Amino acid sequence: MNKMLIVDDAPSWRRYHQDCIQQLYKDKYTITTAASASEANDLLYAESEDPFDIILTDMQMESDYLPLYAGEWLIEQIQNFEAYKNSRIIIISAAMNIKFIAEKYNVEYIRKADCRSIESYRIVGG
């Protein structure tokens, strides 16, 4: 079974993302959630022996990482962590510059505005 980490500071968004993934992909993913970039970073280290296959992250969370968004900081941590070199990173954010950020880090993205449709989560399984 594949492992997924969902990172978002809003509990309602974490539940929503998790529900959509479970509805689309049934039991394909074991899902873990984190409420901040720092919590997610701790989980990445804790799970490094059996790394997450997919990490979905929000951008705008805690402000500790300015001038970067917290999600950008997290992406940098993931991309510099050898255990996660084969993991997919997908940004799910309302940030206006999400496309630019995704291109900068060579990751995928879904705009939060598009998440109203469960179909937007189909890229996760692909």
N, C-alpha and C. Protein backbone atom coordinates (compact mmCIF):
# COMPACT_ATOMS: atom_id res chain seq x y z
N MET A 1 0.84 -1.18 0.00
CA MET A 1 0.00 0.00 0.00
C MET A 1 0.89 1.25 0.00
N ASN A 2 0.48 2.25 -0.76
CA ASN A 2 1.23 3.50 -0.85
C ASN A 2 0.97 4.38 0.36
N LYS A 3 1.98 5.16 0.73
CA LYS A 3 1.87 6.08 1.86
C LYS A 3 1.77 7.52 1.38
N MET A 4 0.86 8.27 1.99
CA MET A 4 0.66 9.66 1.62
C MET A 4 0.68 10.54 2.87
N LEU A 5 1.29 11.71 2.74
CA LEU A 5 1.28 12.71 3.79
C LEU A 5 0.52 13.93 3.27
N ILE A 6 -0.48 14.37 4.03
CA ILE A 6 -1.25 15.56 3.69
C ILE A 6 -0.91 16.63 4.73
N VAL A 7 -0.45 17.79 4.26
CA VAL A 7 -0.01 18.87 5.14
C VAL A 7 -0.84 20.12 4.88
N ASP A 8 -1.57 20.56 5.90
CA ASP A 8 -2.36 21.78 5.79
C ASP A 8 -2.66 22.25 7.21
N ASP A 9 -2.60 23.55 7.45
CA ASP A 9 -2.85 24.07 8.79
C ASP A 9 -4.34 24.12 9.13
N ALA A 10 -5.20 23.99 8.17
CA ALA A 10 -6.65 24.03 8.40
C ALA A 10 -7.19 22.60 8.55
N PRO A 11 -7.72 22.26 9.73
CA PRO A 11 -8.24 20.90 9.93
C PRO A 11 -9.31 20.51 8.90
N SER A 12 -10.15 21.47 8.52
CA SER A 12 -11.21 21.15 7.56
C SER A 12 -10.63 20.78 6.20
N TRP A 13 -9.56 21.46 5.78
CA TRP A 13 -8.92 21.11 4.51
C TRP A 13 -8.23 19.76 4.61
N ARG A 14 -7.57 19.46 5.72
CA ARG A 14 -6.93 18.13 5.87
C ARG A 14 -7.97 17.03 5.73
N ARG A 15 -9.09 17.19 6.42
CA ARG A 15 -10.16 16.18 6.33
C ARG A 15 -10.71 16.10 4.91
N TYR A 16 -10.92 17.24 4.27
CA TYR A 16 -11.47 17.26 2.93
C TYR A 16 -10.55 16.55 1.93
N HIS A 17 -9.26 16.89 1.96
CA HIS A 17 -8.30 16.23 1.06
C HIS A 17 -8.30 14.72 1.32
N GLN A 18 -8.26 14.34 2.58
CA GLN A 18 -8.22 12.92 2.94
C GLN A 18 -9.49 12.22 2.45
N ASP A 19 -10.65 12.82 2.67
CA ASP A 19 -11.91 12.22 2.22
C ASP A 19 -11.95 12.05 0.70
N CYS A 20 -11.48 13.05 -0.03
CA CYS A 20 -11.47 12.96 -1.50
C CYS A 20 -10.56 11.84 -1.98
N ILE A 21 -9.37 11.76 -1.39
CA ILE A 21 -8.42 10.71 -1.78
C ILE A 21 -9.00 9.34 -1.47
N GLN A 22 -9.59 9.18 -0.30
CA GLN A 22 -10.16 7.89 0.08
C GLN A 22 -11.35 7.53 -0.80
N GLN A 23 -12.16 8.52 -1.16
CA GLN A 23 -13.31 8.26 -2.03
C GLN A 23 -12.86 7.82 -3.42
N LEU A 24 -11.83 8.48 -3.96
CA LEU A 24 -11.36 8.14 -5.31
C LEU A 24 -10.54 6.86 -5.36
N TYR A 25 -9.72 6.64 -4.35
CA TYR A 25 -8.73 5.57 -4.43
C TYR A 25 -8.91 4.46 -3.40
N LYS A 26 -10.02 4.50 -2.68
CA LYS A 26 -10.36 3.48 -1.68
C LYS A 26 -9.19 3.20 -0.74
N ASP A 27 -8.65 2.01 -0.79
CA ASP A 27 -7.59 1.61 0.13
C ASP A 27 -6.20 1.64 -0.48
N LYS A 28 -6.01 2.41 -1.54
CA LYS A 28 -4.71 2.46 -2.21
C LYS A 28 -3.66 3.18 -1.36
N TYR A 29 -4.10 4.12 -0.50
CA TYR A 29 -3.16 4.92 0.28
C TYR A 29 -3.41 4.81 1.78
N THR A 30 -2.34 4.71 2.53
CA THR A 30 -2.37 4.93 3.96
C THR A 30 -2.05 6.40 4.13
N ILE A 31 -2.95 7.14 4.77
CA ILE A 31 -2.81 8.59 4.84
C ILE A 31 -2.44 9.04 6.25
N THR A 32 -1.43 9.89 6.32
CA THR A 32 -1.01 10.55 7.55
C THR A 32 -1.19 12.04 7.31
N THR A 33 -1.57 12.79 8.34
CA THR A 33 -1.75 14.23 8.17
C THR A 33 -0.84 14.99 9.14
N ALA A 34 -0.53 16.23 8.74
CA ALA A 34 0.26 17.14 9.58
C ALA A 34 -0.36 18.53 9.49
N ALA A 35 -0.30 19.26 10.61
CA ALA A 35 -0.92 20.57 10.69
C ALA A 35 0.04 21.73 10.41
N SER A 36 1.29 21.41 10.11
CA SER A 36 2.27 22.46 9.85
C SER A 36 3.45 21.88 9.09
N ALA A 37 4.25 22.77 8.54
CA ALA A 37 5.46 22.33 7.83
C ALA A 37 6.44 21.70 8.82
N SER A 38 6.56 22.25 10.01
CA SER A 38 7.50 21.69 10.98
C SER A 38 7.05 20.30 11.45
N GLU A 39 5.75 20.12 11.66
CA GLU A 39 5.24 18.79 12.02
C GLU A 39 5.48 17.80 10.88
N ALA A 40 5.25 18.24 9.67
CA ALA A 40 5.48 17.37 8.50
C ALA A 40 6.95 16.98 8.41
N ASN A 41 7.83 17.94 8.64
CA ASN A 41 9.27 17.66 8.59
C ASN A 41 9.65 16.59 9.62
N ASP A 42 9.09 16.69 10.81
CA ASP A 42 9.34 15.67 11.83
C ASP A 42 8.85 14.30 11.38
N LEU A 43 7.70 14.26 10.73
CA LEU A 43 7.16 12.99 10.22
C LEU A 43 8.03 12.42 9.10
N LEU A 44 8.57 13.30 8.26
CA LEU A 44 9.45 12.83 7.19
C LEU A 44 10.64 12.08 7.77
N TYR A 45 11.23 12.64 8.81
CA TYR A 45 12.37 11.97 9.46
C TYR A 45 11.93 10.68 10.14
N ALA A 46 10.80 10.71 10.83
CA ALA A 46 10.32 9.54 11.54
C ALA A 46 10.00 8.38 10.60
N GLU A 47 9.57 8.71 9.39
CA GLU A 47 9.17 7.69 8.41
C GLU A 47 10.22 7.44 7.33
N SER A 48 11.43 7.90 7.53
CA SER A 48 12.44 7.82 6.47
C SER A 48 12.84 6.39 6.09
N GLU A 49 12.63 5.43 6.98
CA GLU A 49 12.93 4.03 6.65
C GLU A 49 11.89 3.47 5.67
N ASP A 50 10.69 4.01 5.72
CA ASP A 50 9.59 3.63 4.82
C ASP A 50 8.92 4.93 4.38
N PRO A 51 9.55 5.66 3.45
CA PRO A 51 9.13 7.03 3.14
C PRO A 51 7.75 7.13 2.49
N PHE A 52 7.19 8.32 2.63
CA PHE A 52 5.92 8.61 1.97
C PHE A 52 6.13 8.62 0.46
N ASP A 53 5.17 8.05 -0.26
CA ASP A 53 5.23 8.02 -1.73
C ASP A 53 4.78 9.36 -2.32
N ILE A 54 3.78 9.96 -1.66
CA ILE A 54 3.21 11.22 -2.13
C ILE A 54 3.07 12.16 -0.94
N ILE A 55 3.43 13.42 -1.17
CA ILE A 55 3.24 14.46 -0.16
C ILE A 55 2.41 15.56 -0.79
N LEU A 56 1.23 15.81 -0.21
CA LEU A 56 0.37 16.92 -0.63
C LEU A 56 0.58 18.03 0.40
N THR A 57 0.95 19.21 -0.04
CA THR A 57 1.19 20.28 0.92
C THR A 57 0.56 21.59 0.52
N ASP A 58 0.04 22.27 1.52
CA ASP A 58 -0.41 23.64 1.39
C ASP A 58 0.84 24.52 1.36
N MET A 59 0.73 25.74 0.94
CA MET A 59 1.85 26.68 0.93
C MET A 59 1.80 27.61 2.14
N GLN A 60 0.64 28.20 2.38
CA GLN A 60 0.50 29.26 3.37
C GLN A 60 0.07 28.69 4.71
N MET A 61 1.07 28.39 5.53
CA MET A 61 0.80 27.85 6.88
C MET A 61 1.49 28.75 7.90
N GLU A 62 2.31 28.20 8.77
CA GLU A 62 2.98 29.04 9.77
C GLU A 62 3.94 30.02 9.10
N SER A 63 4.18 31.15 9.76
CA SER A 63 4.98 32.23 9.16
C SER A 63 6.46 32.16 9.55
N ASP A 64 6.91 31.07 10.14
CA ASP A 64 8.29 30.93 10.63
C ASP A 64 9.34 30.93 9.53
N TYR A 65 8.95 30.76 8.28
CA TYR A 65 9.91 30.53 7.21
C TYR A 65 10.00 31.69 6.21
N LEU A 66 9.47 32.84 6.60
CA LEU A 66 9.53 34.00 5.71
C LEU A 66 10.97 34.32 5.33
N PRO A 67 11.26 34.68 4.09
CA PRO A 67 10.33 35.12 3.05
C PRO A 67 9.70 33.97 2.26
N LEU A 68 10.05 32.73 2.53
CA LEU A 68 9.40 31.61 1.86
C LEU A 68 8.06 31.32 2.52
N TYR A 69 7.14 30.75 1.76
CA TYR A 69 5.97 30.14 2.37
C TYR A 69 6.45 28.92 3.13
N ALA A 70 5.72 28.52 4.15
CA ALA A 70 6.07 27.32 4.92
C ALA A 70 6.11 26.09 4.00
N GLY A 71 5.18 26.03 3.06
CA GLY A 71 5.15 24.90 2.13
C GLY A 71 6.36 24.86 1.21
N GLU A 72 6.85 26.03 0.82
CA GLU A 72 8.08 26.07 0.01
C GLU A 72 9.26 25.53 0.82
N TRP A 73 9.36 25.97 2.06
CA TRP A 73 10.43 25.48 2.94
C TRP A 73 10.35 23.96 3.04
N LEU A 74 9.13 23.44 3.22
CA LEU A 74 8.95 22.00 3.34
C LEU A 74 9.39 21.29 2.06
N ILE A 75 9.02 21.82 0.90
CA ILE A 75 9.44 21.21 -0.37
C ILE A 75 10.96 21.15 -0.45
N GLU A 76 11.63 22.22 -0.04
CA GLU A 76 13.10 22.21 -0.06
C GLU A 76 13.65 21.11 0.85
N GLN A 77 13.03 20.92 2.01
CA GLN A 77 13.50 19.87 2.93
C GLN A 77 13.33 18.49 2.28
N ILE A 78 12.16 18.28 1.68
CA ILE A 78 11.88 16.99 1.04
C ILE A 78 12.87 16.74 -0.09
N GLN A 79 13.10 17.73 -0.93
CA GLN A 79 13.97 17.55 -2.09
C GLN A 79 15.44 17.37 -1.71
N ASN A 80 15.81 17.77 -0.50
CA ASN A 80 17.19 17.57 -0.04
C ASN A 80 17.34 16.33 0.84
N PHE A 81 16.29 15.55 0.96
CA PHE A 81 16.28 14.37 1.82
C PHE A 81 16.37 13.13 0.92
N GLU A 82 17.48 12.45 0.96
CA GLU A 82 17.75 11.31 0.09
C GLU A 82 16.62 10.26 0.11
N ALA A 83 16.05 10.01 1.26
CA ALA A 83 15.01 8.99 1.38
C ALA A 83 13.77 9.34 0.54
N TYR A 84 13.61 10.62 0.21
CA TYR A 84 12.42 11.06 -0.51
C TYR A 84 12.69 11.45 -1.95
N LYS A 85 13.81 11.01 -2.49
CA LYS A 85 14.16 11.41 -3.86
C LYS A 85 13.16 10.90 -4.90
N ASN A 86 12.43 9.84 -4.59
CA ASN A 86 11.44 9.30 -5.54
C ASN A 86 10.00 9.64 -5.17
N SER A 87 9.81 10.46 -4.16
CA SER A 87 8.46 10.82 -3.73
C SER A 87 7.89 11.93 -4.61
N ARG A 88 6.60 11.85 -4.86
CA ARG A 88 5.91 12.91 -5.60
C ARG A 88 5.46 13.98 -4.63
N ILE A 89 5.61 15.21 -5.03
CA ILE A 89 5.16 16.34 -4.23
C ILE A 89 4.10 17.07 -5.04
N ILE A 90 2.95 17.30 -4.39
CA ILE A 90 1.86 18.02 -5.04
C ILE A 90 1.44 19.16 -4.11
N ILE A 91 1.51 20.37 -4.62
CA ILE A 91 1.07 21.54 -3.88
C ILE A 91 -0.44 21.67 -4.05
N ILE A 92 -1.14 21.86 -2.94
CA ILE A 92 -2.56 22.21 -3.00
C ILE A 92 -2.68 23.52 -2.23
N SER A 93 -2.92 24.61 -2.94
CA SER A 93 -2.86 25.90 -2.29
C SER A 93 -3.73 26.95 -2.98
N ALA A 94 -4.08 27.96 -2.20
CA ALA A 94 -4.80 29.12 -2.73
C ALA A 94 -3.84 30.25 -3.10
N ALA A 95 -2.54 30.02 -2.90
CA ALA A 95 -1.55 31.05 -3.22
C ALA A 95 -1.67 31.43 -4.70
N MET A 96 -1.65 32.72 -4.96
CA MET A 96 -1.82 33.20 -6.33
C MET A 96 -0.67 32.78 -7.25
N ASN A 97 0.51 32.58 -6.67
CA ASN A 97 1.69 32.23 -7.47
C ASN A 97 2.00 30.74 -7.44
N ILE A 98 0.99 29.93 -7.25
CA ILE A 98 1.17 28.48 -7.12
C ILE A 98 1.85 27.87 -8.36
N LYS A 99 1.46 28.31 -9.55
CA LYS A 99 2.06 27.75 -10.77
C LYS A 99 3.56 28.07 -10.81
N PHE A 100 3.93 29.30 -10.50
CA PHE A 100 5.33 29.71 -10.47
C PHE A 100 6.11 28.86 -9.45
N ILE A 101 5.55 28.67 -8.27
CA ILE A 101 6.22 27.88 -7.23
C ILE A 101 6.38 26.44 -7.69
N ALA A 102 5.33 25.87 -8.27
CA ALA A 102 5.41 24.49 -8.76
C ALA A 102 6.50 24.34 -9.83
N GLU A 103 6.58 25.29 -10.72
CA GLU A 103 7.62 25.25 -11.76
C GLU A 103 9.01 25.42 -11.15
N LYS A 104 9.14 26.32 -10.19
CA LYS A 104 10.43 26.57 -9.53
C LYS A 104 10.99 25.29 -8.90
N TYR A 105 10.11 24.50 -8.27
CA TYR A 105 10.56 23.29 -7.58
C TYR A 105 10.32 22.01 -8.38
N ASN A 106 9.77 22.15 -9.58
CA ASN A 106 9.50 21.01 -10.44
C ASN A 106 8.58 20.00 -9.75
N VAL A 107 7.47 20.51 -9.24
CA VAL A 107 6.46 19.67 -8.59
C VAL A 107 5.11 19.92 -9.25
N GLU A 108 4.13 19.13 -8.87
CA GLU A 108 2.79 19.27 -9.42
C GLU A 108 1.95 20.17 -8.50
N TYR A 109 0.80 20.61 -8.99
CA TYR A 109 -0.04 21.46 -8.15
C TYR A 109 -1.52 21.31 -8.51
N ILE A 110 -2.34 21.61 -7.51
CA ILE A 110 -3.78 21.73 -7.67
C ILE A 110 -4.17 23.02 -6.95
N ARG A 111 -4.88 23.89 -7.62
CA ARG A 111 -5.38 25.11 -6.97
C ARG A 111 -6.51 24.73 -6.02
N LYS A 112 -6.52 25.32 -4.83
CA LYS A 112 -7.59 25.00 -3.87
C LYS A 112 -8.96 25.31 -4.46
N ALA A 113 -9.05 26.33 -5.28
CA ALA A 113 -10.34 26.66 -5.90
C ALA A 113 -10.85 25.50 -6.76
N ASP A 114 -9.94 24.71 -7.33
CA ASP A 114 -10.32 23.57 -8.15
C ASP A 114 -10.69 22.34 -7.32
N CYS A 115 -10.39 22.37 -6.04
CA CYS A 115 -10.66 21.22 -5.18
C CYS A 115 -12.14 21.02 -4.90
N ARG A 116 -12.95 21.95 -5.33
CA ARG A 116 -14.39 21.77 -5.16
C ARG A 116 -14.88 20.58 -5.97
N SER A 117 -14.11 20.22 -6.98
CA SER A 117 -14.42 19.05 -7.80
C SER A 117 -13.49 17.91 -7.40
N ILE A 118 -14.05 16.81 -7.04
CA ILE A 118 -13.24 15.65 -6.65
C ILE A 118 -12.33 15.20 -7.80
N GLU A 119 -12.75 15.52 -9.02
CA GLU A 119 -11.96 15.14 -10.20
C GLU A 119 -10.57 15.76 -10.19
N SER A 120 -10.39 16.90 -9.53
CA SER A 120 -9.08 17.54 -9.49
C SER A 120 -8.05 16.66 -8.78
N TYR A 121 -8.50 15.73 -7.96
CA TYR A 121 -7.60 14.84 -7.22
C TYR A 121 -7.14 13.65 -8.06
N ARG A 122 -7.63 13.52 -9.26
CA ARG A 122 -7.23 12.38 -10.11
C ARG A 122 -5.74 12.40 -10.42
N ILE A 123 -5.08 13.56 -10.41
CA ILE A 123 -3.64 13.59 -10.69
C ILE A 123 -2.85 12.86 -9.61
N VAL A 124 -3.43 12.73 -8.42
CA VAL A 124 -2.76 12.07 -7.32
C VAL A 124 -2.51 10.61 -7.66
N GLY A 125 -3.49 9.95 -8.24
CA GLY A 125 -3.37 8.54 -8.55
C GLY A 125 -2.56 8.23 -9.78
N GLY A 126 -2.25 9.26 -10.56
CA GLY A 126 -1.60 9.07 -11.85
C GLY A 126 -0.17 9.04 -11.81
